[in-house]
PDB file of N, CA and C in Angstrom:
ATOM      1  N   MET A   1    -142.330 -54.044 -79.303  1.00  0.00           N
ATOM      2  CA  MET A   1    -141.077 -54.250 -79.931  1.00  0.00           C
ATOM      3  C   MET A   1    -140.362 -54.886 -78.657  1.00  0.00           C
ATOM      4  N   GLN A   2    -139.406 -55.987 -79.039  1.00  0.00           N
ATOM      5  CA  GLN A   2    -138.575 -56.737 -78.321  1.00  0.00           C
ATOM      6  C   GLN A   2    -137.200 -56.222 -78.613  1.00  0.00           C
ATOM      7  N   LEU A   3    -136.554 -56.169 -77.298  1.00  0.00           N
ATOM      8  CA  LEU A   3    -134.959 -55.684 -77.477  1.00  0.00           C
ATOM      9  C   LEU A   3    -134.285 -56.782 -77.317  1.00  0.00           C
ATOM     10  N   ASP A   4    -133.281 -56.893 -78.042  1.00  0.00           N
ATOM     11  CA  ASP A   4    -132.237 -58.102 -78.136  1.00  0.00           C
ATOM     12  C   ASP A   4    -131.116 -57.658 -76.966  1.00  0.00           C
ATOM     13  N   TRP A   5    -131.322 -58.259 -75.834  1.00  0.00           N
ATOM     14  CA  TRP A   5    -130.354 -57.884 -74.887  1.00  0.00           C
ATOM     15  C   TRP A   5    -129.132 -58.529 -75.093  1.00  0.00           C
ATOM     16  N   SER A   6    -128.894 -59.530 -75.801  1.00  0.00           N
ATOM     17  CA  SER A   6    -127.494 -60.356 -76.126  1.00  0.00           C
ATOM     18  C   SER A   6    -126.773 -59.353 -77.027  1.00  0.00           C
ATOM     19  N   ALA A   7    -127.523 -58.488 -77.819  1.00  0.00           N
ATOM     20  CA  ALA A   7    -126.419 -57.615 -78.688  1.00  0.00           C
ATOM     21  C   ALA A   7    -126.066 -56.611 -77.915  1.00  0.00           C
ATOM     22  N   LEU A   8    -126.934 -55.862 -76.950  1.00  0.00           N
ATOM     23  CA  LEU A   8    -126.518 -54.946 -76.209  1.00  0.00           C
ATOM     24  C   LEU A   8    -125.365 -55.311 -75.377  1.00  0.00           C
ATOM     25  N   GLY A   9    -125.374 -56.563 -74.675  1.00  0.00           N
ATOM     26  CA  GLY A   9    -124.116 -57.119 -73.949  1.00  0.00           C
ATOM     27  C   GLY A   9    -123.030 -57.269 -74.759  1.00  0.00           C
ATOM     28  N   GLN A  10    -123.111 -57.553 -75.917  1.00  0.00           N
ATOM     29  CA  GLN A  10    -121.828 -58.094 -76.655  1.00  0.00           C
ATOM     30  C   GLN A  10    -121.329 -56.494 -76.970  1.00  0.00           C
ATOM     31  N   VAL A  11    -122.175 -55.419 -77.434  1.00  0.00           N
ATOM     32  CA  VAL A  11    -121.526 -54.115 -77.630  1.00  0.00           C
ATOM     33  C   VAL A  11    -120.826 -53.465 -76.270  1.00  0.00           C
ATOM     34  N   ALA A  12    -121.576 -53.724 -75.225  1.00  0.00           N
ATOM     35  CA  ALA A  12    -120.895 -53.510 -73.743  1.00  0.00           C
ATOM     36  C   ALA A  12    -119.555 -54.163 -73.859  1.00  0.00           C
ATOM     37  N   ALA A  13    -119.471 -55.436 -73.820  1.00  0.00           N
ATOM     38  CA  ALA A  13    -118.217 -56.047 -73.678  1.00  0.00           C
ATOM     39  C   ALA A  13    -117.150 -55.834 -74.600  1.00  0.00           C
ATOM     40  N   VAL A  14    -117.435 -55.458 -75.932  1.00  0.00           N
ATOM     41  CA  VAL A  14    -116.364 -54.750 -76.817  1.00  0.00           C
ATOM     42  C   VAL A  14    -116.118 -53.562 -76.251  1.00  0.00           C
ATOM     43  N   SER A  15    -116.945 -52.884 -75.953  1.00  0.00           N
ATOM     44  CA  SER A  15    -116.491 -51.281 -75.478  1.00  0.00           C
ATOM     45  C   SER A  15    -115.760 -51.292 -74.428  1.00  0.00           C
ATOM     46  N   VAL A  16    -116.077 -52.161 -73.366  1.00  0.00           N
ATOM     47  CA  VAL A  16    -115.209 -52.128 -72.136  1.00  0.00           C
ATOM     48  C   VAL A  16    -113.653 -53.065 -72.429  1.00  0.00           C
ATOM     49  N   GLY A  17    -113.874 -53.910 -73.381  1.00  0.00           N
ATOM     50  CA  GLY A  17    -112.650 -54.323 -73.879  1.00  0.00           C
ATOM     51  C   GLY A  17    -111.489 -53.654 -74.527  1.00  0.00           C
ATOM     52  N   VAL A  18    -112.008 -52.981 -75.578  1.00  0.00           N
ATOM     53  CA  VAL A  18    -111.211 -51.878 -76.263  1.00  0.00           C
ATOM     54  C   VAL A  18    -110.682 -50.844 -75.321  1.00  0.00           C
ATOM     55  N   THR A  19    -111.753 -50.275 -74.641  1.00  0.00           N
ATOM     56  CA  THR A  19    -111.203 -49.340 -73.417  1.00  0.00           C
ATOM     57  C   THR A  19    -110.098 -49.671 -72.762  1.00  0.00           C
ATOM     58  N   VAL A  20    -110.051 -50.833 -71.979  1.00  0.00           N
ATOM     59  CA  VAL A  20    -109.063 -51.357 -71.296  1.00  0.00           C
ATOM     60  C   VAL A  20    -108.000 -51.671 -72.138  1.00  0.00           C
ATOM     61  N   ALA A  21    -108.007 -52.038 -73.174  1.00  0.00           N
ATOM     62  CA  ALA A  21    -106.884 -52.312 -74.036  1.00  0.00           C
ATOM     63  C   ALA A  21    -106.131 -50.867 -74.467  1.00  0.00           C
ATOM     64  N   VAL A  22    -107.034 -49.795 -75.045  1.00  0.00           N
ATOM     65  CA  VAL A  22    -106.240 -48.546 -75.100  1.00  0.00           C
ATOM     66  C   VAL A  22    -105.718 -48.007 -73.906  1.00  0.00           C
ATOM     67  N   VAL A  23    -106.354 -48.086 -72.829  1.00  0.00           N
ATOM     68  CA  VAL A  23    -105.901 -47.424 -71.630  1.00  0.00           C
ATOM     69  C   VAL A  23    -104.374 -48.319 -71.317  1.00  0.00           C
ATOM     70  N   THR A  24    -104.408 -49.651 -71.399  1.00  0.00           N
ATOM     71  CA  THR A  24    -103.268 -50.278 -71.070  1.00  0.00           C
ATOM     72  C   THR A  24    -102.022 -49.898 -72.074  1.00  0.00           C
ATOM     73  N   VAL A  25    -102.450 -49.915 -73.347  1.00  0.00           N
ATOM     74  CA  VAL A  25    -101.346 -49.435 -74.301  1.00  0.00           C
ATOM     75  C   VAL A  25    -100.731 -47.878 -73.940  1.00  0.00           C
ATOM     76  N   PHE A  26    -101.791 -46.941 -73.806  1.00  0.00           N
ATOM     77  CA  PHE A  26    -101.395 -45.611 -73.246  1.00  0.00           C
ATOM     78  C   PHE A  26    -100.308 -45.798 -72.077  1.00  0.00           C
ATOM     79  N   ALA A  27    -100.763 -46.385 -71.095  1.00  0.00           N
ATOM     80  CA  ALA A  27    -100.005 -46.629 -69.976  1.00  0.00           C
ATOM     81  C   ALA A  27     -98.536 -47.352 -70.055  1.00  0.00           C
ATOM     82  N   LEU A  28     -98.615 -48.231 -71.166  1.00  0.00           N
ATOM     83  CA  LEU A  28     -97.219 -48.612 -71.613  1.00  0.00           C
ATOM     84  C   LEU A  28     -96.468 -47.324 -72.319  1.00  0.00           C
ATOM     85  N   GLY A  29     -97.131 -46.425 -73.104  1.00  0.00           N
ATOM     86  CA  GLY A  29     -96.474 -45.293 -73.709  1.00  0.00           C
ATOM     87  C   GLY A  29     -95.827 -44.517 -72.400  1.00  0.00           C
ATOM     88  N   VAL A  30     -96.413 -44.242 -71.476  1.00  0.00           N
ATOM     89  CA  VAL A  30     -96.345 -43.497 -70.244  1.00  0.00           C
ATOM     90  C   VAL A  30     -95.029 -43.857 -69.782  1.00  0.00           C
ATOM     91  N   LEU A  31     -94.950 -45.138 -69.521  1.00  0.00           N
ATOM     92  CA  LEU A  31     -93.902 -46.266 -69.118  1.00  0.00           C
ATOM     93  C   LEU A  31     -92.599 -45.873 -69.824  1.00  0.00           C
ATOM     94  N   GLY A  32     -92.910 -45.959 -71.009  1.00  0.00           N
ATOM     95  CA  GLY A  32     -91.382 -45.611 -72.103  1.00  0.00           C
ATOM     96  C   GLY A  32     -91.007 -44.296 -71.652  1.00  0.00           C
ATOM     97  N   LEU A  33     -91.876 -43.327 -71.477  1.00  0.00           N
ATOM     98  CA  LEU A  33     -91.388 -41.949 -71.384  1.00  0.00           C
ATOM     99  C   LEU A  33     -90.761 -41.887 -70.001  1.00  0.00           C
ATOM    100  N   ALA A  34     -91.165 -42.616 -68.925  1.00  0.00           N
ATOM    101  CA  ALA A  34     -90.612 -42.761 -67.605  1.00  0.00           C
ATOM    102  C   ALA A  34     -89.194 -43.250 -67.675  1.00  0.00           C
ATOM    103  N   ARG A  35     -89.197 -44.297 -68.599  1.00  0.00           N
ATOM    104  CA  ARG A  35     -87.879 -45.079 -68.708  1.00  0.00           C
ATOM    105  C   ARG A  35     -86.678 -43.942 -69.290  1.00  0.00           C
ATOM    106  N   VAL A  36     -87.296 -43.095 -70.317  1.00  0.00           N
ATOM    107  CA  VAL A  36     -86.418 -42.132 -71.068  1.00  0.00           C
ATOM    108  C   VAL A  36     -85.830 -41.230 -69.858  1.00  0.00           C
ATOM    109  N   GLU A  37     -86.848 -40.610 -69.146  1.00  0.00           N
ATOM    110  CA  GLU A  37     -86.523 -39.831 -68.059  1.00  0.00           C
ATOM    111  C   GLU A  37     -85.551 -40.386 -67.163  1.00  0.00           C
ATOM    112  N   ALA A  38     -85.678 -41.330 -66.727  1.00  0.00           N
ATOM    113  CA  ALA A  38     -84.936 -42.175 -65.558  1.00  0.00           C
ATOM    114  C   ALA A  38     -83.338 -42.314 -66.416  1.00  0.00           C
ATOM    115  N   ALA A  39     -83.452 -42.600 -67.670  1.00  0.00           N
ATOM    116  CA  ALA A  39     -82.081 -42.872 -68.289  1.00  0.00           C
ATOM    117  C   ALA A  39     -81.326 -41.502 -68.317  1.00  0.00           C
ATOM    118  N   ARG A  40     -82.028 -40.571 -68.338  1.00  0.00           N
ATOM    119  CA  ARG A  40     -81.503 -39.147 -68.619  1.00  0.00           C
ATOM    120  C   ARG A  40     -80.794 -38.926 -67.248  1.00  0.00           C
ATOM    121  N   GLU A  41     -81.692 -39.001 -66.252  1.00  0.00           N
ATOM    122  CA  GLU A  41     -81.330 -38.587 -64.905  1.00  0.00           C
ATOM    123  C   GLU A  41     -79.999 -39.405 -64.411  1.00  0.00           C
ATOM    124  N   GLU A  42     -80.052 -40.637 -65.016  1.00  0.00           N
ATOM    125  CA  GLU A  42     -78.900 -41.592 -64.413  1.00  0.00           C
ATOM    126  C   GLU A  42     -77.590 -41.397 -65.157  1.00  0.00           C
ATOM    127  N   ASN A  43     -77.618 -41.279 -66.436  1.00  0.00           N
ATOM    128  CA  ASN A  43     -76.386 -41.058 -67.225  1.00  0.00           C
ATOM    129  C   ASN A  43     -76.359 -40.125 -68.216  1.00  0.00           C
ATOM    130  N   GLY A  44     -77.254 -39.174 -68.229  1.00  0.00           N
ATOM    131  CA  GLY A  44     -77.513 -38.008 -69.029  1.00  0.00           C
ATOM    132  C   GLY A  44     -77.699 -38.112 -70.425  1.00  0.00           C
ATOM    133  N   THR A  45     -78.206 -39.629 -70.803  1.00  0.00           N
ATOM    134  CA  THR A  45     -78.570 -39.721 -72.230  1.00  0.00           C
ATOM    135  C   THR A  45     -79.849 -40.481 -72.063  1.00  0.00           C
ATOM    136  N   GLY A  46     -80.956 -40.123 -73.193  1.00  0.00           N
ATOM    137  CA  GLY A  46     -82.220 -40.876 -73.207  1.00  0.00           C
ATOM    138  C   GLY A  46     -82.101 -42.342 -73.706  1.00  0.00           C
ATOM    139  N   SER A  47     -83.172 -43.006 -73.286  1.00  0.00           N
ATOM    140  CA  SER A  47     -83.127 -44.477 -73.564  1.00  0.00           C
ATOM    141  C   SER A  47     -84.115 -44.511 -75.014  1.00  0.00           C
ATOM    142  N   THR A  48     -83.171 -45.162 -75.870  1.00  0.00           N
ATOM    143  CA  THR A  48     -83.784 -45.389 -77.280  1.00  0.00           C
ATOM    144  C   THR A  48     -84.945 -46.340 -77.365  1.00  0.00           C
ATOM    145  N   VAL A  49     -84.881 -47.284 -76.499  1.00  0.00           N
ATOM    146  CA  VAL A  49     -85.948 -48.239 -76.301  1.00  0.00           C
ATOM    147  C   VAL A  49     -87.169 -47.595 -75.635  1.00  0.00           C
ATOM    148  N   GLY A  50     -86.805 -47.041 -74.664  1.00  0.00           N
ATOM    149  CA  GLY A  50     -88.186 -46.200 -74.071  1.00  0.00           C
ATOM    150  C   GLY A  50     -88.765 -45.320 -74.958  1.00  0.00           C
ATOM    151  N   LEU A  51     -88.030 -44.336 -75.642  1.00  0.00           N
ATOM    152  CA  LEU A  51     -88.554 -43.524 -76.595  1.00  0.00           C
ATOM    153  C   LEU A  51     -89.397 -44.246 -77.707  1.00  0.00           C
ATOM    154  N   THR A  52     -88.816 -45.365 -78.282  1.00  0.00           N
ATOM    155  CA  THR A  52     -89.510 -46.079 -79.303  1.00  0.00           C
ATOM    156  C   THR A  52     -90.591 -46.610 -78.731  1.00  0.00           C
ATOM    157  N   GLN A  53     -90.632 -47.327 -77.488  1.00  0.00           N
ATOM    158  CA  GLN A  53     -91.872 -47.682 -76.933  1.00  0.00           C
ATOM    159  C   GLN A  53     -92.819 -46.609 -76.791  1.00  0.00           C
ATOM    160  N   ALA A  54     -92.479 -45.641 -76.185  1.00  0.00           N
ATOM    161  CA  ALA A  54     -93.438 -44.633 -76.107  1.00  0.00           C
ATOM    162  C   ALA A  54     -94.103 -44.241 -77.275  1.00  0.00           C
ATOM    163  N   GLY A  55     -93.429 -44.087 -78.395  1.00  0.00           N
ATOM    164  CA  GLY A  55     -93.720 -43.500 -79.793  1.00  0.00           C
ATOM    165  C   GLY A  55     -94.905 -44.623 -80.317  1.00  0.00           C
ATOM    166  N   LEU A  56     -94.420 -45.604 -80.293  1.00  0.00           N
ATOM    167  CA  LEU A  56     -95.221 -46.769 -80.829  1.00  0.00           C
ATOM    168  C   LEU A  56     -96.472 -47.036 -80.261  1.00  0.00           C
ATOM    169  N   CYS A  57     -96.441 -46.933 -78.889  1.00  0.00           N
ATOM    170  CA  CYS A  57     -97.810 -46.965 -78.036  1.00  0.00           C
ATOM    171  C   CYS A  57     -98.650 -45.745 -78.232  1.00  0.00           C
ATOM    172  N   PHE A  58     -98.023 -44.543 -78.396  1.00  0.00           N
ATOM    173  CA  PHE A  58     -98.881 -43.267 -78.495  1.00  0.00           C
ATOM    174  C   PHE A  58     -99.427 -43.300 -80.143  1.00  0.00           C
ATOM    175  N   MET A  59     -98.615 -43.780 -80.948  1.00  0.00           N
ATOM    176  CA  MET A  59     -99.135 -44.051 -82.513  1.00  0.00           C
ATOM    177  C   MET A  59    -100.416 -45.168 -82.366  1.00  0.00           C
ATOM    178  N   ALA A  60    -100.268 -46.124 -81.659  1.00  0.00           N
ATOM    179  CA  ALA A  60    -101.425 -47.227 -81.785  1.00  0.00           C
ATOM    180  C   ALA A  60    -102.650 -46.351 -81.270  1.00  0.00           C
ATOM    181  N   CYS A  61    -102.637 -45.653 -79.938  1.00  0.00           N
ATOM    182  CA  CYS A  61    -103.555 -44.931 -79.314  1.00  0.00           C
ATOM    183  C   CYS A  61    -104.182 -44.055 -80.414  1.00  0.00           C
ATOM    184  N   ALA A  62    -103.441 -43.192 -81.163  1.00  0.00           N
ATOM    185  CA  ALA A  62    -103.906 -42.183 -82.017  1.00  0.00           C
ATOM    186  C   ALA A  62    -104.580 -42.914 -83.029  1.00  0.00           C
ATOM    187  N   ALA A  63    -103.948 -44.008 -83.603  1.00  0.00           N
ATOM    188  CA  ALA A  63    -104.805 -44.995 -84.646  1.00  0.00           C
ATOM    189  C   ALA A  63    -106.086 -45.337 -84.064  1.00  0.00           C
ATOM    190  N   VAL A  64    -106.259 -45.916 -82.995  1.00  0.00           N
ATOM    191  CA  VAL A  64    -107.601 -46.207 -82.433  1.00  0.00           C
ATOM    192  C   VAL A  64    -108.571 -45.106 -82.390  1.00  0.00           C
ATOM    193  N   VAL A  65    -108.088 -43.961 -82.087  1.00  0.00           N
ATOM    194  CA  VAL A  65    -108.953 -42.821 -81.868  1.00  0.00           C
ATOM    195  C   VAL A  65    -109.433 -42.264 -83.054  1.00  0.00           C
ATOM    196  N   GLY A  66    -108.374 -42.250 -84.027  1.00  0.00           N
ATOM    197  CA  GLY A  66    -108.788 -42.003 -85.265  1.00  0.00           C
ATOM    198  C   GLY A  66    -109.677 -42.870 -86.060  1.00  0.00           C
ATOM    199  N   TYR A  67    -109.665 -44.067 -85.810  1.00  0.00           N
ATOM    200  CA  TYR A  67    -110.560 -45.146 -86.596  1.00  0.00           C
ATOM    201  C   TYR A  67    -112.020 -44.828 -85.860  1.00  0.00           C
ATOM    202  N   GLY A  68    -111.928 -44.850 -84.559  1.00  0.00           N
ATOM    203  CA  GLY A  68    -113.336 -44.311 -83.940  1.00  0.00           C
ATOM    204  C   GLY A  68    -113.869 -43.130 -84.483  1.00  0.00           C
ATOM    205  N   ILE A  69    -113.058 -42.023 -84.675  1.00  0.00           N
ATOM    206  CA  ILE A  69    -113.624 -40.678 -85.408  1.00  0.00           C
ATOM    207  C   ILE A  69    -114.157 -41.106 -86.837  1.00  0.00           C
ATOM    208  N   TYR A  70    -113.379 -42.000 -87.578  1.00  0.00           N
ATOM    209  CA  TYR A  70    -113.822 -42.353 -88.944  1.00  0.00           C
ATOM    210  C   TYR A  70    -115.235 -43.246 -88.546  1.00  0.00           C
ATOM    211  N   LEU A  71    -115.452 -43.804 -87.868  1.00  0.00           N
ATOM    212  CA  LEU A  71    -116.685 -44.769 -87.707  1.00  0.00           C
ATOM    213  C   LEU A  71    -117.997 -43.709 -87.329  1.00  0.00           C
ATOM    214  N   ILE A  72    -117.608 -42.787 -86.679  1.00  0.00           N
ATOM    215  CA  ILE A  72    -118.803 -42.101 -86.015  1.00  0.00           C
ATOM    216  C   ILE A  72    -119.009 -41.054 -87.152  1.00  0.00           C
ATOM    217  N   VAL A  73    -118.034 -40.206 -87.766  1.00  0.00           N
ATOM    218  CA  VAL A  73    -118.333 -39.222 -88.790  1.00  0.00           C
ATOM    219  C   VAL A  73    -118.807 -39.635 -89.965  1.00  0.00           C
ATOM    220  N   PRO A  74    -120.035 -39.634 -90.726  1.00  0.00           N
ATOM    221  CA  PRO A  74    -120.516 -39.914 -91.806  1.00  0.00           C
ATOM    222  C   PRO A  74    -119.765 -39.384 -93.023  1.00  0.00           C
ATOM    223  N   GLN A  75    -119.075 -38.260 -92.994  1.00  0.00           N
ATOM    224  CA  GLN A  75    -118.496 -37.562 -94.117  1.00  0.00           C
ATOM    225  C   GLN A  75    -117.487 -38.256 -94.482  1.00  0.00           C
ATOM    226  N   PHE A  76    -116.646 -39.031 -93.620  1.00  0.00           N
ATOM    227  CA  PHE A  76    -115.287 -39.900 -93.767  1.00  0.00           C
ATOM    228  C   PHE A  76    -115.833 -41.036 -94.727  1.00  0.00           C
ATOM    229  N   HIS A  77    -116.969 -41.510 -94.839  1.00  0.00           N
ATOM    230  CA  HIS A  77    -117.179 -42.836 -95.587  1.00  0.00           C
ATOM    231  C   HIS A  77    -117.469 -42.517 -96.990  1.00  0.00           C
TER     232      HIS A  77
END
């Protein structure tokens, strides 16, 4: 049996790429929360932009995780 190493390499590359992208988006969400906290400490009110950024980033991460679970669990198909 011959193993197709290029297919394995492609799967590894896509996995690493998606992992880096999700971690980056999650980090941007944490940055948004940090902006909210910094605005609260500075003037007593939260930052709407930071809160929106955090919410969108965390929703995107949840969507990617949900899609991954959908692909893994056969009962969802």
